[in-house]
């Protein structure tokens, strides 16, 4: 049974710290269906044309599809990367004019996983070549990897990330 009105088993639970050692139990025994591992990401942007050019230049994507609703209130561009990544960019006519803020509920950041640490450095160099401001390559204590962090034209936080060699084994 679908739960559309907030009567999900977890909707009444109080906020608390979650332990990775415990498994949530909500009284169901249904098996989890399979996933392919592929992911299509759609981001809401203020100017779909500007963002499509920016992402295509950065990532080397091709335009897979462009759509504009008959009333012009929705524009959608799909960018395809040779790796299989599909990135959709959506512009709503009645959008907020505010920039993205990862501290709001929803997306925190979008992380592109790269094969190894050396590739993170290569991406940092590419960001330099494209004159995109970034954090520099960094290692943080809360993660087993190395990353370079930057923002798109709508302030969406993006990262190129790789696991450190000892974390991969």
Protein backbone atom coordinates (compact mmCIF):
# COMPACT_ATOMS: atom_id res chain seq x y z
CA UNK A 1 0.00 0.00 0.00
CA UNK A 2 1.37 3.40 -0.96
CA UNK A 3 1.58 6.03 1.75
CA UNK A 4 0.82 9.41 0.25
CA UNK A 5 -0.59 11.28 3.20
CA UNK A 6 2.19 11.16 5.78
CA UNK A 7 1.06 7.96 7.50
CA UNK A 8 4.37 6.22 6.79
CA UNK A 9 5.70 4.13 9.68
CA UNK A 10 8.62 6.54 10.24
CA UNK A 11 6.65 9.81 9.92
CA UNK A 12 5.82 9.92 13.63
CA UNK A 13 9.29 9.02 14.89
CA UNK A 14 11.10 11.71 16.85
CA UNK A 15 14.30 13.16 15.40
CA UNK A 16 17.35 11.39 16.82
CA UNK A 17 20.89 10.39 16.09
CA UNK A 18 21.06 7.39 13.77
CA UNK A 19 23.54 4.62 14.40
CA UNK A 20 24.93 2.81 11.37
CA UNK A 21 24.96 -0.37 13.46
CA UNK A 22 21.19 -0.58 13.72
CA UNK A 23 18.88 -1.55 10.89
CA UNK A 24 15.56 0.21 10.59
CA UNK A 25 12.60 -2.09 11.10
CA UNK A 26 9.15 -0.98 10.12
CA UNK A 27 7.35 -4.31 10.27
CA UNK A 28 7.57 -5.31 6.63
CA UNK A 29 9.22 -8.32 5.02
CA UNK A 30 9.06 -7.42 1.34
CA UNK A 31 12.27 -7.94 -0.65
CA UNK A 32 14.15 -4.91 -1.98
CA UNK A 33 13.93 -4.76 -5.79
CA UNK A 34 17.11 -4.56 -7.87
CA UNK A 35 18.79 -1.35 -9.08
CA UNK A 36 21.05 -1.06 -12.11
CA UNK A 37 23.56 1.22 -10.40
CA UNK A 38 22.97 3.88 -13.06
CA UNK A 39 21.56 7.19 -11.97
CA UNK A 40 19.93 10.06 -13.81
CA UNK A 41 20.21 13.36 -12.01
CA UNK A 42 17.89 16.30 -12.67
CA UNK A 43 18.75 19.73 -11.29
CA UNK A 44 16.52 22.79 -11.23
CA UNK A 45 18.41 25.78 -12.63
CA UNK A 46 17.62 29.45 -13.20
CA UNK A 47 18.80 29.59 -16.84
CA UNK A 48 18.76 26.23 -18.62
CA UNK A 49 20.74 27.51 -21.62
CA UNK A 50 23.55 28.94 -19.51
CA UNK A 51 23.72 25.85 -17.31
CA UNK A 52 23.65 23.43 -20.27
CA UNK A 53 26.62 25.21 -21.86
CA UNK A 54 28.50 25.32 -18.53
CA UNK A 55 28.04 21.60 -17.77
CA UNK A 56 28.73 20.56 -21.39
CA UNK A 57 31.98 22.55 -21.37
CA UNK A 58 33.07 21.17 -17.99
CA UNK A 59 32.09 17.52 -18.44
CA UNK A 60 32.32 17.08 -22.21
CA UNK A 61 28.68 16.01 -22.55
CA UNK A 62 26.44 15.85 -25.61
CA UNK A 63 22.86 17.10 -25.66
CA UNK A 64 20.60 14.07 -25.66
CA UNK A 65 17.25 15.85 -25.64
CA UNK A 66 15.71 19.28 -25.37
CA UNK A 67 12.11 19.92 -24.35
CA UNK A 68 9.98 23.04 -23.96
CA UNK A 69 6.38 22.72 -22.77
CA UNK A 70 3.73 24.17 -25.07
CA UNK A 71 3.03 26.95 -22.60
CA UNK A 72 6.77 27.68 -22.17
CA UNK A 73 6.65 27.18 -18.39
CA UNK A 74 9.05 24.24 -18.37
CA UNK A 75 12.32 23.75 -20.21
CA UNK A 76 14.36 20.56 -19.87
CA UNK A 77 17.75 19.70 -21.38
CA UNK A 78 19.29 16.25 -20.98
CA UNK A 79 23.07 15.95 -21.24
CA UNK A 80 24.72 12.57 -21.82
CA UNK A 81 28.28 11.69 -20.85
CA UNK A 82 30.20 8.74 -22.38
CA UNK A 83 30.46 7.20 -18.87
CA UNK A 84 26.69 6.67 -18.82
CA UNK A 85 25.93 9.71 -16.63
CA UNK A 86 22.68 11.41 -17.59
CA UNK A 87 22.29 14.96 -16.29
CA UNK A 88 18.98 16.74 -16.69
CA UNK A 89 18.67 20.49 -16.28
CA UNK A 90 15.20 21.89 -15.66
CA UNK A 91 14.05 25.50 -15.72
CA UNK A 92 10.61 26.29 -14.30
CA UNK A 93 8.98 29.53 -15.41
CA UNK A 94 7.63 30.16 -11.89
CA UNK A 95 10.96 29.50 -10.17
CA UNK A 96 12.42 31.22 -7.17
CA UNK A 97 15.14 33.68 -8.06
CA UNK A 98 17.26 32.57 -5.12
CA UNK A 99 20.49 30.65 -5.48
CA UNK A 100 20.91 27.08 -4.28
CA UNK A 101 21.65 26.58 -0.57
CA UNK A 102 22.74 23.12 0.60
CA UNK A 103 21.64 23.96 4.15
CA UNK A 104 18.00 23.71 3.05
CA UNK A 105 16.24 20.36 3.03
CA UNK A 106 16.95 18.53 -0.22
CA UNK A 107 20.18 18.15 -2.13
CA UNK A 108 23.37 18.83 -0.17
CA UNK A 109 25.81 18.40 -3.05
CA UNK A 110 26.36 16.36 -6.19
CA UNK A 111 29.47 14.21 -6.21
CA UNK A 112 31.07 12.82 -9.38
CA UNK A 113 33.07 9.69 -8.51
CA UNK A 114 36.34 9.40 -10.43
CA UNK A 115 38.57 6.29 -10.71
CA UNK A 116 41.46 7.38 -8.46
CA UNK A 117 43.10 10.24 -6.55
CA UNK A 118 45.22 11.23 -9.57
CA UNK A 119 41.99 11.95 -11.45
CA UNK A 120 40.86 14.37 -8.74
CA UNK A 121 44.04 16.36 -9.41
CA UNK A 122 43.35 16.24 -13.16
CA UNK A 123 39.85 17.59 -12.59
CA UNK A 124 41.23 20.37 -10.37
CA UNK A 125 43.53 21.32 -13.26
CA UNK A 126 40.58 21.31 -15.66
CA UNK A 127 38.65 23.59 -13.30
CA UNK A 128 41.65 25.94 -13.32
CA UNK A 129 41.76 25.88 -17.14
CA UNK A 130 38.04 26.74 -17.27
CA UNK A 131 38.58 29.45 -14.62
CA UNK A 132 36.08 27.82 -12.25
CA UNK A 133 36.79 28.67 -8.62
CA UNK A 134 37.33 25.60 -6.43
CA UNK A 135 38.54 24.41 -3.04
CA UNK A 136 41.75 22.82 -4.23
CA UNK A 137 42.23 19.11 -3.66
CA UNK A 138 41.47 18.30 -0.03
CA UNK A 139 41.16 15.41 2.39
CA UNK A 140 38.69 15.69 5.23
CA UNK A 141 38.57 13.55 8.36
CA UNK A 142 34.93 12.52 7.88
CA UNK A 143 35.53 10.81 4.54
CA UNK A 144 37.78 8.04 3.16
CA UNK A 145 38.54 9.99 0.02
CA UNK A 146 40.03 13.01 -1.66
CA UNK A 147 37.91 15.70 -3.31
CA UNK A 148 37.83 19.02 -5.06
CA UNK A 149 34.70 21.10 -4.41
CA UNK A 150 33.25 23.85 -6.63
CA UNK A 151 29.90 25.41 -7.57
CA UNK A 152 27.85 25.67 -10.73
CA UNK A 153 26.29 28.94 -12.00
CA UNK A 154 23.31 28.42 -9.65
CA UNK A 155 25.56 27.84 -6.64
CA UNK A 156 24.91 24.06 -6.53
CA UNK A 157 27.85 22.48 -4.73
CA UNK A 158 29.65 19.89 -6.87
CA UNK A 159 32.58 17.60 -6.13
CA UNK A 160 34.96 15.31 -7.94
CA UNK A 161 35.77 12.53 -5.47
CA UNK A 162 37.96 9.42 -5.29
CA UNK A 163 38.66 6.95 -2.50
CA UNK A 164 42.19 6.98 -1.12
CA UNK A 165 44.08 3.78 -2.12
CA UNK A 166 43.97 2.21 1.37
CA UNK A 167 40.19 2.77 1.49
CA UNK A 168 39.63 0.94 -1.82
CA UNK A 169 40.82 -2.45 -0.56
